[in-house]
Amino acid sequence: MDYDLLFIAVGMLVPVVVLFKRELLMKAGASGTIFAISLALFIIGLAFHFTDVGRHSASGGLLTPLMSFGLYRLFRTWFMAYAKHEPRDTYMDWTPGMAADRVFNIVYFTAAFMLTALNAIGMEGLAKRGW
């Protein structure tokens, strides 16, 4: 069975949370839960890398939630130092004065999608080379 789409979809956990329920990443309890799930997925992704399932699949996508969680926290810290407020969702919101929020969202989501693709491709490439 081909699990590639499942690995990629699960790997997009944190960007999906940011897109639909961003406030969960700002609450201590919910943020900790998302971190724990991301850490578990990272460990599962590493374990899959050393099995037949991971050698010929996009299981590297499972490494992404932990990385994109850290990326969000880093970008959020930088954004809050610059803009002095939490980043807001700008999808279909053309309110004036949200340019910094738009840049934040574009940069974060682009980086998260690229990270997912590079992890999936990179881990499969490493597996094919015997790592």
C-alpha atoms as a PDB file:
ATOM      1  CA  MET A   1       0.000   0.000   0.000  1.00  0.00           C
ATOM      2  CA  ASP A   2       1.207   3.477  -0.845  1.00  0.00           C
ATOM      3  CA  TYR A   3       1.220   5.711   2.232  1.00  0.00           C
ATOM      4  CA  ASP A   4       2.823   8.790   0.660  1.00  0.00           C
ATOM      5  CA  LEU A   5      -0.283  10.981   0.670  1.00  0.00           C
ATOM      6  CA  LEU A   6      -1.031  10.024   4.266  1.00  0.00           C
ATOM      7  CA  PHE A   7       2.527  10.882   5.371  1.00  0.00           C
ATOM      8  CA  ILE A   8       2.366  14.243   3.604  1.00  0.00           C
ATOM      9  CA  ALA A   9      -1.096  15.050   5.013  1.00  0.00           C
ATOM     10  CA  VAL A  10      -0.082  14.156   8.570  1.00  0.00           C
ATOM     11  CA  GLY A  11       3.137  16.122   8.071  1.00  0.00           C
ATOM     12  CA  MET A  12       1.049  19.230   7.456  1.00  0.00           C
ATOM     13  CA  LEU A  13      -0.473  19.046  10.964  1.00  0.00           C
ATOM     14  CA  VAL A  14       0.951  22.305  12.294  1.00  0.00           C
ATOM     15  CA  PRO A  15       0.296  24.423   9.163  1.00  0.00           C
ATOM     16  CA  VAL A  16      -3.308  23.157   9.187  1.00  0.00           C
ATOM     17  CA  VAL A  17      -3.635  24.166  12.853  1.00  0.00           C
ATOM     18  CA  VAL A  18      -2.168  27.585  12.008  1.00  0.00           C
ATOM     19  CA  LEU A  19      -4.593  27.943   9.122  1.00  0.00           C
ATOM     20  CA  PHE A  20      -7.789  26.896  10.897  1.00  0.00           C
ATOM     21  CA  LYS A  21      -7.242  27.264  14.668  1.00  0.00           C
ATOM     22  CA  ARG A  22      -4.175  29.461  15.201  1.00  0.00           C
ATOM     23  CA  GLU A  23      -5.161  30.354  18.764  1.00  0.00           C
ATOM     24  CA  LEU A  24      -4.362  26.771  19.849  1.00  0.00           C
ATOM     25  CA  LEU A  25      -0.671  27.532  19.368  1.00  0.00           C
ATOM     26  CA  MET A  26      -0.963  30.491  21.740  1.00  0.00           C
ATOM     27  CA  LYS A  27      -2.555  28.570  24.636  1.00  0.00           C
ATOM     28  CA  ALA A  28      -0.084  26.793  26.925  1.00  0.00           C
ATOM     29  CA  GLY A  29      -1.979  23.509  27.275  1.00  0.00           C
ATOM     30  CA  ALA A  30      -3.002  23.130  23.651  1.00  0.00           C
ATOM     31  CA  SER A  31       0.416  24.206  22.439  1.00  0.00           C
ATOM     32  CA  GLY A  32       2.038  21.565  24.634  1.00  0.00           C
ATOM     33  CA  THR A  33      -0.293  18.908  23.256  1.00  0.00           C
ATOM     34  CA  ILE A  34       0.521  19.890  19.675  1.00  0.00           C
ATOM     35  CA  PHE A  35       4.222  19.812  20.561  1.00  0.00           C
ATOM     36  CA  ALA A  36       3.874  16.311  22.082  1.00  0.00           C
ATOM     37  CA  ILE A  37       2.020  15.026  19.007  1.00  0.00           C
ATOM     38  CA  SER A  38       4.649  16.606  16.753  1.00  0.00           C
ATOM     39  CA  LEU A  39       7.452  15.010  18.755  1.00  0.00           C
ATOM     40  CA  ALA A  40       5.741  11.603  18.572  1.00  0.00           C
ATOM     41  CA  LEU A  41       5.329  11.959  14.791  1.00  0.00           C
ATOM     42  CA  PHE A  42       9.003  12.914  14.474  1.00  0.00           C
ATOM     43  CA  ILE A  43      10.049   9.768  16.354  1.00  0.00           C
ATOM     44  CA  ILE A  44       7.668   7.629  14.268  1.00  0.00           C
ATOM     45  CA  GLY A  45       9.080   9.193  11.086  1.00  0.00           C
ATOM     46  CA  LEU A  46      12.624   8.340  12.166  1.00  0.00           C
ATOM     47  CA  ALA A  47      11.583   4.787  13.040  1.00  0.00           C
ATOM     48  CA  PHE A  48       9.867   4.354   9.653  1.00  0.00           C
ATOM     49  CA  HIS A  49      13.063   5.458   7.941  1.00  0.00           C
ATOM     50  CA  PHE A  50      14.711   2.233   9.078  1.00  0.00           C
ATOM     51  CA  THR A  51      11.883  -0.052   7.918  1.00  0.00           C
ATOM     52  CA  ASP A  52      10.736  -1.163   4.484  1.00  0.00           C
ATOM     53  CA  VAL A  53       7.758   1.196   4.765  1.00  0.00           C
ATOM     54  CA  GLY A  54       9.982   4.260   5.086  1.00  0.00           C
ATOM     55  CA  ARG A  55      12.693   3.308   2.629  1.00  0.00           C
ATOM     56  CA  HIS A  56      10.442   3.727  -0.390  1.00  0.00           C
ATOM     57  CA  SER A  57       7.934   6.322   0.758  1.00  0.00           C
ATOM     58  CA  ALA A  58       7.494   9.922   1.821  1.00  0.00           C
ATOM     59  CA  SER A  59       7.716   9.024   5.523  1.00  0.00           C
ATOM     60  CA  GLY A  60      10.114  11.952   5.925  1.00  0.00           C
ATOM     61  CA  GLY A  61       6.974  14.085   5.903  1.00  0.00           C
ATOM     62  CA  LEU A  62       6.348  12.863   9.447  1.00  0.00           C
ATOM     63  CA  LEU A  63       9.451  14.766  10.573  1.00  0.00           C
ATOM     64  CA  THR A  64       7.868  18.045   9.527  1.00  0.00           C
ATOM     65  CA  PRO A  65       5.330  18.789  12.300  1.00  0.00           C
ATOM     66  CA  LEU A  66       8.046  19.239  14.916  1.00  0.00           C
ATOM     67  CA  MET A  67      10.119  21.402  12.582  1.00  0.00           C
ATOM     68  CA  SER A  68       7.172  23.524  11.444  1.00  0.00           C
ATOM     69  CA  PHE A  69       6.099  23.941  15.090  1.00  0.00           C
ATOM     70  CA  GLY A  70       9.552  25.327  15.889  1.00  0.00           C
ATOM     71  CA  LEU A  71       9.460  27.454  12.756  1.00  0.00           C
ATOM     72  CA  TYR A  72       6.107  28.941  13.775  1.00  0.00           C
ATOM     73  CA  ARG A  73       7.383  29.718  17.275  1.00  0.00           C
ATOM     74  CA  LEU A  74      10.525  31.362  15.859  1.00  0.00           C
ATOM     75  CA  PHE A  75       8.647  33.419  13.256  1.00  0.00           C
ATOM     76  CA  ARG A  76       6.018  34.388  15.845  1.00  0.00           C
ATOM     77  CA  THR A  77       8.725  35.627  18.229  1.00  0.00           C
ATOM     78  CA  TRP A  78      10.311  37.724  15.484  1.00  0.00           C
ATOM     79  CA  PHE A  79       6.916  39.009  14.360  1.00  0.00           C
ATOM     80  CA  MET A  80       5.866  40.017  17.866  1.00  0.00           C
ATOM     81  CA  ALA A  81       9.155  41.867  18.397  1.00  0.00           C
ATOM     82  CA  TYR A  82       8.554  43.771  15.149  1.00  0.00           C
ATOM     83  CA  ALA A  83       4.771  44.275  15.060  1.00  0.00           C
ATOM     84  CA  LYS A  84       4.018  44.211  18.823  1.00  0.00           C
ATOM     85  CA  HIS A  85       0.964  41.945  18.393  1.00  0.00           C
ATOM     86  CA  GLU A  86       0.088  38.333  17.649  1.00  0.00           C
ATOM     87  CA  PRO A  87       0.090  37.431  13.952  1.00  0.00           C
ATOM     88  CA  ARG A  88      -3.442  37.485  12.565  1.00  0.00           C
ATOM     89  CA  ASP A  89      -5.092  35.431   9.871  1.00  0.00           C
ATOM     90  CA  THR A  90      -5.229  37.456   6.662  1.00  0.00           C
ATOM     91  CA  TYR A  91      -7.057  35.012   4.403  1.00  0.00           C
ATOM     92  CA  MET A  92      -9.732  36.985   2.559  1.00  0.00           C
ATOM     93  CA  ASP A  93      -9.248  39.902   4.963  1.00  0.00           C
ATOM     94  CA  TRP A  94      -8.207  43.070   3.158  1.00  0.00           C
ATOM     95  CA  THR A  95      -8.323  45.339   6.176  1.00  0.00           C
ATOM     96  CA  PRO A  96      -5.746  48.138   5.848  1.00  0.00           C
ATOM     97  CA  GLY A  97      -2.735  47.929   8.147  1.00  0.00           C
ATOM     98  CA  MET A  98      -2.231  44.170   7.950  1.00  0.00           C
ATOM     99  CA  ALA A  99       0.779  44.114   5.612  1.00  0.00           C
ATOM    100  CA  ALA A 100       3.112  42.680   8.254  1.00  0.00           C
ATOM    101  CA  ASP A 101       0.585  39.944   9.044  1.00  0.00           C
ATOM    102  CA  ARG A 102       0.293  39.085   5.345  1.00  0.00           C
ATOM    103  CA  VAL A 103       4.061  38.815   5.000  1.00  0.00           C
ATOM    104  CA  PHE A 104       4.211  36.607   8.091  1.00  0.00           C
ATOM    105  CA  ASN A 105       1.563  34.252   6.687  1.00  0.00           C
ATOM    106  CA  ILE A 106       3.126  34.084   3.225  1.00  0.00           C
ATOM    107  CA  VAL A 107       6.597  33.397   4.606  1.00  0.00           C
ATOM    108  CA  TYR A 108       5.441  30.840   7.184  1.00  0.00           C
ATOM    109  CA  PHE A 109       3.167  28.828   4.897  1.00  0.00           C
ATOM    110  CA  THR A 110       5.676  28.832   2.044  1.00  0.00           C
ATOM    111  CA  ALA A 111       8.426  27.651   4.402  1.00  0.00           C
ATOM    112  CA  ALA A 112       6.179  24.962   5.926  1.00  0.00           C
ATOM    113  CA  PHE A 113       5.162  23.560   2.530  1.00  0.00           C
ATOM    114  CA  MET A 114       8.762  23.592   1.309  1.00  0.00           C
ATOM    115  CA  LEU A 115       9.928  21.926   4.518  1.00  0.00           C
ATOM    116  CA  THR A 116       7.385  19.134   4.085  1.00  0.00           C
ATOM    117  CA  ALA A 117       8.417  18.510   0.483  1.00  0.00           C
ATOM    118  CA  LEU A 118      12.141  18.643   1.247  1.00  0.00           C
ATOM    119  CA  ASN A 119      11.812  16.296   4.226  1.00  0.00           C
ATOM    120  CA  ALA A 120       9.831  13.746   2.231  1.00  0.00           C
ATOM    121  CA  ILE A 121      12.154  13.873  -0.775  1.00  0.00           C
ATOM    122  CA  GLY A 122      15.330  14.115   1.292  1.00  0.00           C
ATOM    123  CA  MET A 123      14.600  11.190   3.598  1.00  0.00           C
ATOM    124  CA  GLU A 124      13.674   8.957   0.662  1.00  0.00           C
ATOM    125  CA  GLY A 125      16.869  10.004  -1.081  1.00  0.00           C
ATOM    126  CA  LEU A 126      18.920   9.177   2.017  1.00  0.00           C
ATOM    127  CA  ALA A 127      17.249   5.771   2.253  1.00  0.00           C
ATOM    128  CA  LYS A 128      18.035   5.008  -1.393  1.00  0.00           C
ATOM    129  CA  ARG A 129      21.695   5.874  -0.763  1.00  0.00           C
ATOM    130  CA  GLY A 130      21.880   3.449   2.152  1.00  0.00           C
ATOM    131  CA  TRP A 131      21.502   5.823   5.089  1.00  0.00           C
END
